[in-house]
Amino acid sequence: MQSSPTSRDLNADRVLVILCTYNEAQNIRLMIEAIHEEVPHADILVVEDNSPDGTGQIVDELTLTLPFLKVMHRAGKLGLGTATRAGLWQAVEEDYTFAVVLDADFSHHPAYMPSLIDAMDRADVAVGSRYVEGGGVVGWSWKRHAMSRLINFWARLMLGLSTLDNSGSYRCYRVSLLRNIDFSRFRAKGYAIQEELMYRCRVAGARFVEVPIVFEDRVRGASKITSQEGYTAVYLMLNFGLKRLFGIQP
């Protein structure tokens, strides 16, 4: 996969790339190398949930020779939502310009990262989108396609979002926007963090742009998403939607 050409001087901004990991020993080394090849000026933060497969130990070894690499070790499997928030908050505390979040299993290819950062000239959140022209998905069953489409329709209906892809995690955030969001009030602990982040960014006045990506289902390791995560996301969005209806801020 080739990187898309960009007009932005990527070296002009401080960028933190955030990888939230649990049992990604088969992917993590290759992913870090691929990210550094695409955005060599960026720092990379691995938020590691004490993976029993040794992911954390691999990252620790890599930090000895890679000065751009950081690791945040957590006590256990505390959930994607809390891991994402921890990574984004570190970007705020360390005064980065942009924070890029993506999955660590190559379902989100780092080749799209320069285009996401380039899009920040006209947005506060650049969304790697499967559902705009040029985007797509490879390797899904029709049931997973249907569930994803339904979740994204529900997000637009309940949260007042105009973006087509609200459930994916491949995004670039303007850190100055994140400073205006109260991270202590987040409710999602798992995959529903994606929709909640979009909603809270919208309430904070974010401008959104969708950049086409092709999502390719992982080839190494096992997926952690479950049907329960989907039900949790539906309930959380319903809760926010009802509050929005009655003018209650999240």
C-alpha atoms as a PDB file:
ATOM      1  CA  MET A   1       0.000   0.000   0.000  1.00  0.00           C
ATOM      2  CA  GLN A   2       1.380   3.392  -0.984  1.00  0.00           C
ATOM      3  CA  SER A   3       1.055   6.567   1.057  1.00  0.00           C
ATOM      4  CA  SER A   4      -1.151   9.267  -0.382  1.00  0.00           C
ATOM      5  CA  PRO A   5       0.670  12.460  -1.390  1.00  0.00           C
ATOM      6  CA  THR A   6       0.121  15.360   1.008  1.00  0.00           C
ATOM      7  CA  SER A   7       0.729  19.097   0.845  1.00  0.00           C
ATOM      8  CA  ARG A   8       1.328  19.634   4.551  1.00  0.00           C
ATOM      9  CA  ASP A   9       4.796  19.939   6.077  1.00  0.00           C
ATOM     10  CA  LEU A  10       4.391  17.019   8.481  1.00  0.00           C
ATOM     11  CA  ASN A  11       7.573  17.920  10.341  1.00  0.00           C
ATOM     12  CA  ALA A  12       6.094  21.248  11.476  1.00  0.00           C
ATOM     13  CA  ASP A  13       3.776  19.658  14.068  1.00  0.00           C
ATOM     14  CA  ARG A  14       4.314  17.624  17.211  1.00  0.00           C
ATOM     15  CA  VAL A  15       2.431  14.369  16.659  1.00  0.00           C
ATOM     16  CA  LEU A  16       1.762  11.559  19.125  1.00  0.00           C
ATOM     17  CA  VAL A  17       0.597   8.252  17.651  1.00  0.00           C
ATOM     18  CA  ILE A  18      -1.319   6.150  20.199  1.00  0.00           C
ATOM     19  CA  LEU A  19      -1.577   2.366  20.066  1.00  0.00           C
ATOM     20  CA  CYS A  20      -3.762   0.650  22.674  1.00  0.00           C
ATOM     21  CA  THR A  21      -2.639  -2.955  22.972  1.00  0.00           C
ATOM     22  CA  TYR A  22      -3.743  -6.239  24.476  1.00  0.00           C
ATOM     23  CA  ASN A  23      -2.185  -9.439  23.105  1.00  0.00           C
ATOM     24  CA  GLU A  24      -0.617  -7.906  20.002  1.00  0.00           C
ATOM     25  CA  ALA A  25       2.804  -9.596  20.218  1.00  0.00           C
ATOM     26  CA  GLN A  26       2.494 -10.783  16.604  1.00  0.00           C
ATOM     27  CA  ASN A  27       1.873  -7.275  15.287  1.00  0.00           C
ATOM     28  CA  ILE A  28       3.422  -4.659  17.549  1.00  0.00           C
ATOM     29  CA  ARG A  29       7.002  -4.614  16.280  1.00  0.00           C
ATOM     30  CA  LEU A  30       5.923  -4.482  12.628  1.00  0.00           C
ATOM     31  CA  MET A  31       3.310  -1.819  13.389  1.00  0.00           C
ATOM     32  CA  ILE A  32       5.808   0.458  15.151  1.00  0.00           C
ATOM     33  CA  GLU A  33       8.229   0.120  12.236  1.00  0.00           C
ATOM     34  CA  ALA A  34       5.482   0.888   9.704  1.00  0.00           C
ATOM     35  CA  ILE A  35       4.294   3.969  11.600  1.00  0.00           C
ATOM     36  CA  HIS A  36       7.816   5.338  11.907  1.00  0.00           C
ATOM     37  CA  GLU A  37       8.338   4.853   8.169  1.00  0.00           C
ATOM     38  CA  GLU A  38       5.204   6.881   7.344  1.00  0.00           C
ATOM     39  CA  VAL A  39       5.593   9.660   9.958  1.00  0.00           C
ATOM     40  CA  PRO A  40       9.249   9.568  11.065  1.00  0.00           C
ATOM     41  CA  HIS A  41       8.968  12.791  13.076  1.00  0.00           C
ATOM     42  CA  ALA A  42       6.121  11.453  15.284  1.00  0.00           C
ATOM     43  CA  ASP A  43       6.406   9.961  18.741  1.00  0.00           C
ATOM     44  CA  ILE A  44       4.622   6.676  19.402  1.00  0.00           C
ATOM     45  CA  LEU A  45       2.910   5.820  22.690  1.00  0.00           C
ATOM     46  CA  VAL A  46       1.880   2.225  23.397  1.00  0.00           C
ATOM     47  CA  VAL A  47      -0.802   1.965  26.095  1.00  0.00           C
ATOM     48  CA  GLU A  48      -0.312  -1.619  27.223  1.00  0.00           C
ATOM     49  CA  ASP A  49      -2.874  -3.540  29.309  1.00  0.00           C
ATOM     50  CA  ASN A  50      -0.529  -6.162  30.783  1.00  0.00           C
ATOM     51  CA  SER A  51      -0.869  -8.552  27.846  1.00  0.00           C
ATOM     52  CA  PRO A  52      -0.139 -12.177  28.817  1.00  0.00           C
ATOM     53  CA  ASP A  53       1.398 -12.822  25.377  1.00  0.00           C
ATOM     54  CA  GLY A  54       4.415 -10.600  26.088  1.00  0.00           C
ATOM     55  CA  THR A  55       3.435  -7.498  24.084  1.00  0.00           C
ATOM     56  CA  GLY A  56       4.646  -5.247  26.873  1.00  0.00           C
ATOM     57  CA  GLN A  57       8.050  -6.906  27.079  1.00  0.00           C
ATOM     58  CA  ILE A  58       8.541  -6.505  23.315  1.00  0.00           C
ATOM     59  CA  VAL A  59       7.763  -2.791  23.550  1.00  0.00           C
ATOM     60  CA  ASP A  60      10.080  -2.370  26.551  1.00  0.00           C
ATOM     61  CA  GLU A  61      12.919  -3.887  24.544  1.00  0.00           C
ATOM     62  CA  LEU A  62      12.207  -1.610  21.595  1.00  0.00           C
ATOM     63  CA  THR A  63      12.279   1.525  23.774  1.00  0.00           C
ATOM     64  CA  LEU A  64      15.948   0.812  24.514  1.00  0.00           C
ATOM     65  CA  THR A  65      16.879   1.603  20.907  1.00  0.00           C
ATOM     66  CA  LEU A  66      13.969   3.734  19.617  1.00  0.00           C
ATOM     67  CA  PRO A  67      13.979   7.220  21.205  1.00  0.00           C
ATOM     68  CA  PHE A  68      10.599   8.125  19.681  1.00  0.00           C
ATOM     69  CA  LEU A  69       8.847   5.195  21.411  1.00  0.00           C
ATOM     70  CA  LYS A  70       7.087   5.424  24.791  1.00  0.00           C
ATOM     71  CA  VAL A  71       5.092   2.868  26.747  1.00  0.00           C
ATOM     72  CA  MET A  72       2.397   3.214  29.403  1.00  0.00           C
ATOM     73  CA  HIS A  73       2.005  -0.012  31.363  1.00  0.00           C
ATOM     74  CA  ARG A  74      -1.364  -0.555  33.015  1.00  0.00           C
ATOM     75  CA  ALA A  75      -2.305  -3.038  35.712  1.00  0.00           C
ATOM     76  CA  GLY A  76      -4.512  -5.273  33.564  1.00  0.00           C
ATOM     77  CA  LYS A  77      -7.127  -5.402  30.833  1.00  0.00           C
ATOM     78  CA  LEU A  78      -8.941  -2.192  31.768  1.00  0.00           C
ATOM     79  CA  GLY A  79     -10.706  -1.658  28.445  1.00  0.00           C
ATOM     80  CA  LEU A  80     -10.129   0.147  25.165  1.00  0.00           C
ATOM     81  CA  GLY A  81     -12.084   3.181  26.349  1.00  0.00           C
ATOM     82  CA  THR A  82      -9.933   3.911  29.370  1.00  0.00           C
ATOM     83  CA  ALA A  83      -6.767   3.140  27.373  1.00  0.00           C
ATOM     84  CA  THR A  84      -7.724   5.585  24.616  1.00  0.00           C
ATOM     85  CA  ARG A  85      -8.517   8.296  27.139  1.00  0.00           C
ATOM     86  CA  ALA A  86      -5.212   7.727  28.919  1.00  0.00           C
ATOM     87  CA  GLY A  87      -3.305   8.084  25.668  1.00  0.00           C
ATOM     88  CA  LEU A  88      -5.169  11.209  24.583  1.00  0.00           C
ATOM     89  CA  TRP A  89      -4.729  12.794  27.987  1.00  0.00           C
ATOM     90  CA  GLN A  90      -0.977  12.205  27.785  1.00  0.00           C
ATOM     91  CA  ALA A  91      -1.005  14.057  24.457  1.00  0.00           C
ATOM     92  CA  VAL A  92      -2.684  16.975  26.245  1.00  0.00           C
ATOM     93  CA  GLU A  93      -0.280  16.934  29.175  1.00  0.00           C
ATOM     94  CA  GLU A  94       2.775  16.810  26.911  1.00  0.00           C
ATOM     95  CA  ASP A  95       1.461  19.599  24.668  1.00  0.00           C
ATOM     96  CA  TYR A  96       1.406  17.781  21.337  1.00  0.00           C
ATOM     97  CA  THR A  97      -0.215  19.422  18.323  1.00  0.00           C
ATOM     98  CA  PHE A  98      -2.047  16.323  17.084  1.00  0.00           C
ATOM     99  CA  ALA A  99      -2.846  12.892  18.475  1.00  0.00           C
ATOM    100  CA  VAL A 100      -3.418  10.006  16.070  1.00  0.00           C
ATOM    101  CA  VAL A 101      -5.166   6.858  17.319  1.00  0.00           C
ATOM    102  CA  LEU A 102      -5.304   3.605  15.358  1.00  0.00           C
ATOM    103  CA  ASP A 103      -5.583  -0.135  15.952  1.00  0.00           C
ATOM    104  CA  ALA A 104      -2.343  -2.070  16.398  1.00  0.00           C
ATOM    105  CA  ASP A 105      -3.276  -5.041  14.204  1.00  0.00           C
ATOM    106  CA  PHE A 106      -2.856  -3.499  10.707  1.00  0.00           C
ATOM    107  CA  SER A 107      -6.603  -3.289  10.120  1.00  0.00           C
ATOM    108  CA  HIS A 108      -5.763   0.431  10.024  1.00  0.00           C
ATOM    109  CA  HIS A 109      -2.746   0.768   7.772  1.00  0.00           C
ATOM    110  CA  PRO A 110      -0.232   3.472   8.736  1.00  0.00           C
ATOM    111  CA  ALA A 111       0.004   4.485   5.063  1.00  0.00           C
ATOM    112  CA  TYR A 112      -3.140   6.613   5.552  1.00  0.00           C
ATOM    113  CA  MET A 113      -1.659   8.566   8.451  1.00  0.00           C
ATOM    114  CA  PRO A 114      -0.037  11.389   6.412  1.00  0.00           C
ATOM    115  CA  SER A 115      -3.399  12.071   4.731  1.00  0.00           C
ATOM    116  CA  LEU A 116      -5.153  12.258   8.104  1.00  0.00           C
ATOM    117  CA  ILE A 117      -2.597  14.733   9.430  1.00  0.00           C
ATOM    118  CA  ASP A 118      -2.723  16.733   6.205  1.00  0.00           C
ATOM    119  CA  ALA A 119      -6.516  17.050   6.595  1.00  0.00           C
ATOM    120  CA  MET A 120      -6.071  18.893   9.904  1.00  0.00           C
ATOM    121  CA  ASP A 121      -5.622  22.119   7.915  1.00  0.00           C
ATOM    122  CA  ARG A 122      -9.431  22.174   7.666  1.00  0.00           C
ATOM    123  CA  ALA A 123     -10.594  20.185  10.711  1.00  0.00           C
ATOM    124  CA  ASP A 124     -10.200  19.482  14.416  1.00  0.00           C
ATOM    125  CA  VAL A 125     -10.901  15.764  14.003  1.00  0.00           C
ATOM    126  CA  ALA A 126      -9.925  13.840  10.879  1.00  0.00           C
ATOM    127  CA  VAL A 127     -11.754  10.520  10.699  1.00  0.00           C
ATOM    128  CA  GLY A 128     -10.345   7.568   8.789  1.00  0.00           C
ATOM    129  CA  SER A 129     -13.617   6.645   7.109  1.00  0.00           C
ATOM    130  CA  ARG A 130     -14.734   3.376   5.569  1.00  0.00           C
ATOM    131  CA  TYR A 131     -17.979   4.914   4.331  1.00  0.00           C
ATOM    132  CA  VAL A 132     -16.995   7.870   2.162  1.00  0.00           C
ATOM    133  CA  GLU A 133     -16.041   7.602  -1.505  1.00  0.00           C
ATOM    134  CA  GLY A 134     -12.735   5.766  -1.798  1.00  0.00           C
ATOM    135  CA  GLY A 135     -13.148   3.970   1.533  1.00  0.00           C
ATOM    136  CA  GLY A 136     -14.127   0.378   2.137  1.00  0.00           C
ATOM    137  CA  VAL A 137     -13.801  -2.837   4.102  1.00  0.00           C
ATOM    138  CA  VAL A 138     -12.052  -6.091   3.242  1.00  0.00           C
ATOM    139  CA  GLY A 139     -12.690  -9.415   4.964  1.00  0.00           C
ATOM    140  CA  TRP A 140     -16.023  -8.858   6.749  1.00  0.00           C
ATOM    141  CA  SER A 141     -19.113 -11.080   6.798  1.00  0.00           C
ATOM    142  CA  TRP A 142     -22.446  -9.552   5.793  1.00  0.00           C
ATOM    143  CA  LYS A 143     -23.510  -9.645   9.468  1.00  0.00           C
ATOM    144  CA  ARG A 144     -20.574  -7.510  10.524  1.00  0.00           C
ATOM    145  CA  HIS A 145     -21.242  -5.087   7.661  1.00  0.00           C
ATOM    146  CA  ALA A 146     -24.883  -4.804   8.740  1.00  0.00           C
ATOM    147  CA  MET A 147     -24.007  -4.296  12.404  1.00  0.00           C
ATOM    148  CA  SER A 148     -21.489  -1.570  11.579  1.00  0.00           C
ATOM    149  CA  ARG A 149     -23.920   0.282   9.322  1.00  0.00           C
ATOM    150  CA  LEU A 150     -26.639   0.062  11.963  1.00  0.00           C
ATOM    151  CA  ILE A 151     -24.358   1.355  14.737  1.00  0.00           C
ATOM    152  CA  ASN A 152     -23.296   4.295  12.585  1.00  0.00           C
ATOM    153  CA  PHE A 153     -26.893   5.159  11.673  1.00  0.00           C
ATOM    154  CA  TRP A 154     -27.768   5.043  15.377  1.00  0.00           C
ATOM    155  CA  ALA A 155     -24.828   7.348  16.183  1.00  0.00           C
ATOM    156  CA  ARG A 156     -26.002   9.937  13.665  1.00  0.00           C
ATOM    157  CA  LEU A 157     -29.585   9.729  14.913  1.00  0.00           C
ATOM    158  CA  MET A 158     -28.868   9.829  18.651  1.00  0.00           C
ATOM    159  CA  LEU A 159     -25.785  12.044  18.777  1.00  0.00           C
ATOM    160  CA  GLY A 160     -26.546  14.537  16.027  1.00  0.00           C
ATOM    161  CA  LEU A 161     -23.452  13.579  14.045  1.00  0.00           C
ATOM    162  CA  SER A 162     -23.176  14.168  10.307  1.00  0.00           C
ATOM    163  CA  THR A 163     -20.103  11.973   9.802  1.00  0.00           C
ATOM    164  CA  LEU A 164     -20.674   8.577   8.192  1.00  0.00           C
ATOM    165  CA  ASP A 165     -18.053   6.597  10.143  1.00  0.00           C
ATOM    166  CA  ASN A 166     -18.376   7.112  13.890  1.00  0.00           C
ATOM    167  CA  SER A 167     -17.460   3.652  15.167  1.00  0.00           C
ATOM    168  CA  GLY A 168     -13.951   3.346  13.752  1.00  0.00           C
ATOM    169  CA  SER A 169     -10.936   4.324  15.855  1.00  0.00           C
ATOM    170  CA  TYR A 170      -8.562   5.562  13.128  1.00  0.00           C
ATOM    171  CA  ARG A 171      -8.565   9.309  13.789  1.00  0.00           C
ATOM    172  CA  CYS A 172      -6.398  12.381  14.203  1.00  0.00           C
ATOM    173  CA  TYR A 173      -7.381  14.852  16.947  1.00  0.00           C
ATOM    174  CA  ARG A 174      -6.311  18.448  17.422  1.00  0.00           C
ATOM    175  CA  VAL A 175      -4.954  18.463  20.969  1.00  0.00           C
ATOM    176  CA  SER A 176      -6.083  22.040  21.655  1.00  0.00           C
ATOM    177  CA  LEU A 177      -9.663  20.787  21.144  1.00  0.00           C
ATOM    178  CA  LEU A 178      -9.130  17.902  23.580  1.00  0.00           C
ATOM    179  CA  ARG A 179      -8.155  20.421  26.276  1.00  0.00           C
ATOM    180  CA  ASN A 180     -11.759  21.678  26.205  1.00  0.00           C
ATOM    181  CA  ILE A 181     -13.181  18.225  27.026  1.00  0.00           C
ATOM    182  CA  ASP A 182     -13.591  16.932  30.588  1.00  0.00           C
ATOM    183  CA  PHE A 183     -12.052  13.453  30.377  1.00  0.00           C
ATOM    184  CA  SER A 184     -13.227  12.585  33.890  1.00  0.00           C
ATOM    185  CA  ARG A 185     -16.854  12.558  32.705  1.00  0.00           C
ATOM    186  CA  PHE A 186     -16.485   9.889  30.038  1.00  0.00           C
ATOM    187  CA  ARG A 187     -18.669   6.826  30.543  1.00  0.00           C
ATOM    188  CA  ALA A 188     -17.450   4.348  27.929  1.00  0.00           C
ATOM    189  CA  LYS A 189     -14.883   1.826  29.111  1.00  0.00           C
ATOM    190  CA  GLY A 190     -14.849  -0.326  25.967  1.00  0.00           C
ATOM    191  CA  TYR A 191     -15.369   0.137  22.229  1.00  0.00           C
ATOM    192  CA  ALA A 192     -18.204   2.651  22.728  1.00  0.00           C
ATOM    193  CA  ILE A 193     -15.434   5.183  23.373  1.00  0.00           C
ATOM    194  CA  GLN A 194     -15.390   5.825  19.615  1.00  0.00           C
ATOM    195  CA  GLU A 195     -18.939   7.200  19.466  1.00  0.00           C
ATOM    196  CA  GLU A 196     -18.606   9.011  22.781  1.00  0.00           C
ATOM    197  CA  LEU A 197     -15.446  10.772  21.616  1.00  0.00           C
ATOM    198  CA  MET A 198     -17.191  11.930  18.435  1.00  0.00           C
ATOM    199  CA  TYR A 199     -20.128  13.244  20.457  1.00  0.00           C
ATOM    200  CA  ARG A 200     -18.014  15.076  23.019  1.00  0.00           C
ATOM    201  CA  CYS A 201     -15.842  16.563  20.281  1.00  0.00           C
ATOM    202  CA  ARG A 202     -18.995  17.786  18.514  1.00  0.00           C
ATOM    203  CA  VAL A 203     -20.288  19.382  21.715  1.00  0.00           C
ATOM    204  CA  ALA A 204     -16.874  21.066  22.105  1.00  0.00           C
ATOM    205  CA  GLY A 205     -17.315  22.655  18.666  1.00  0.00           C
ATOM    206  CA  ALA A 206     -15.107  20.387  16.561  1.00  0.00           C
ATOM    207  CA  ARG A 207     -14.932  20.579  12.781  1.00  0.00           C
ATOM    208  CA  PHE A 208     -14.877  17.087  11.260  1.00  0.00           C
ATOM    209  CA  VAL A 209     -13.512  15.787   7.988  1.00  0.00           C
ATOM    210  CA  GLU A 210     -13.623  12.202   6.721  1.00  0.00           C
ATOM    211  CA  VAL A 211     -10.595  10.787   4.913  1.00  0.00           C
ATOM    212  CA  PRO A 212     -11.165   7.551   2.974  1.00  0.00           C
ATOM    213  CA  ILE A 213      -9.429   4.424   4.237  1.00  0.00           C
ATOM    214  CA  VAL A 214      -9.775   0.737   3.434  1.00  0.00           C
ATOM    215  CA  PHE A 215     -10.198  -1.345   6.578  1.00  0.00           C
ATOM    216  CA  GLU A 216      -8.656  -4.800   6.270  1.00  0.00           C
ATOM    217  CA  ASP A 217      -9.584  -7.406   8.880  1.00  0.00           C
ATOM    218  CA  ARG A 218      -6.630  -8.587  10.938  1.00  0.00           C
ATOM    219  CA  VAL A 219      -4.563 -11.524   9.710  1.00  0.00           C
ATOM    220  CA  ARG A 220      -2.566 -12.093  12.915  1.00  0.00           C
ATOM    221  CA  GLY A 221      -3.976 -12.438  16.429  1.00  0.00           C
ATOM    222  CA  ALA A 222      -7.583 -12.482  17.603  1.00  0.00           C
ATOM    223  CA  SER A 223     -10.212  -9.745  17.603  1.00  0.00           C
ATOM    224  CA  LYS A 224     -11.393  -8.533  21.022  1.00  0.00           C
ATOM    225  CA  ILE A 225     -14.726  -7.026  19.990  1.00  0.00           C
ATOM    226  CA  THR A 226     -17.880  -8.844  21.136  1.00  0.00           C
ATOM    227  CA  SER A 227     -21.620  -8.476  20.576  1.00  0.00           C
ATOM    228  CA  GLN A 228     -21.890  -7.171  24.143  1.00  0.00           C
ATOM    229  CA  GLU A 229     -19.733  -4.205  23.125  1.00  0.00           C
ATOM    230  CA  GLY A 230     -22.316  -3.397  20.455  1.00  0.00           C
ATOM    231  CA  TYR A 231     -25.195  -3.503  22.920  1.00  0.00           C
ATOM    232  CA  THR A 232     -23.274  -1.266  25.318  1.00  0.00           C
ATOM    233  CA  ALA A 233     -22.657   1.278  22.566  1.00  0.00           C
ATOM    234  CA  VAL A 234     -26.345   1.311  21.573  1.00  0.00           C
ATOM    235  CA  TYR A 235     -27.435   1.909  25.178  1.00  0.00           C
ATOM    236  CA  LEU A 236     -24.844   4.635  25.770  1.00  0.00           C
ATOM    237  CA  MET A 237     -25.850   6.495  22.616  1.00  0.00           C
ATOM    238  CA  LEU A 238     -29.525   6.215  23.561  1.00  0.00           C
ATOM    239  CA  ASN A 239     -28.701   7.762  26.943  1.00  0.00           C
ATOM    240  CA  PHE A 240     -26.839  10.646  25.327  1.00  0.00           C
ATOM    241  CA  GLY A 241     -29.563  11.058  22.714  1.00  0.00           C
ATOM    242  CA  LEU A 242     -32.287  11.426  25.348  1.00  0.00           C
ATOM    243  CA  LYS A 243     -30.204  13.965  27.233  1.00  0.00           C
ATOM    244  CA  ARG A 244     -29.618  15.871  24.007  1.00  0.00           C
ATOM    245  CA  LEU A 245     -33.368  15.873  23.349  1.00  0.00           C
ATOM    246  CA  PHE A 246     -33.990  17.558  26.700  1.00  0.00           C
ATOM    247  CA  GLY A 247     -31.046  19.947  26.394  1.00  0.00           C
ATOM    248  CA  ILE A 248     -28.855  18.267  29.002  1.00  0.00           C
ATOM    249  CA  GLN A 249     -25.125  18.558  28.332  1.00  0.00           C
ATOM    250  CA  PRO A 250     -23.106  15.306  28.547  1.00  0.00           C
END
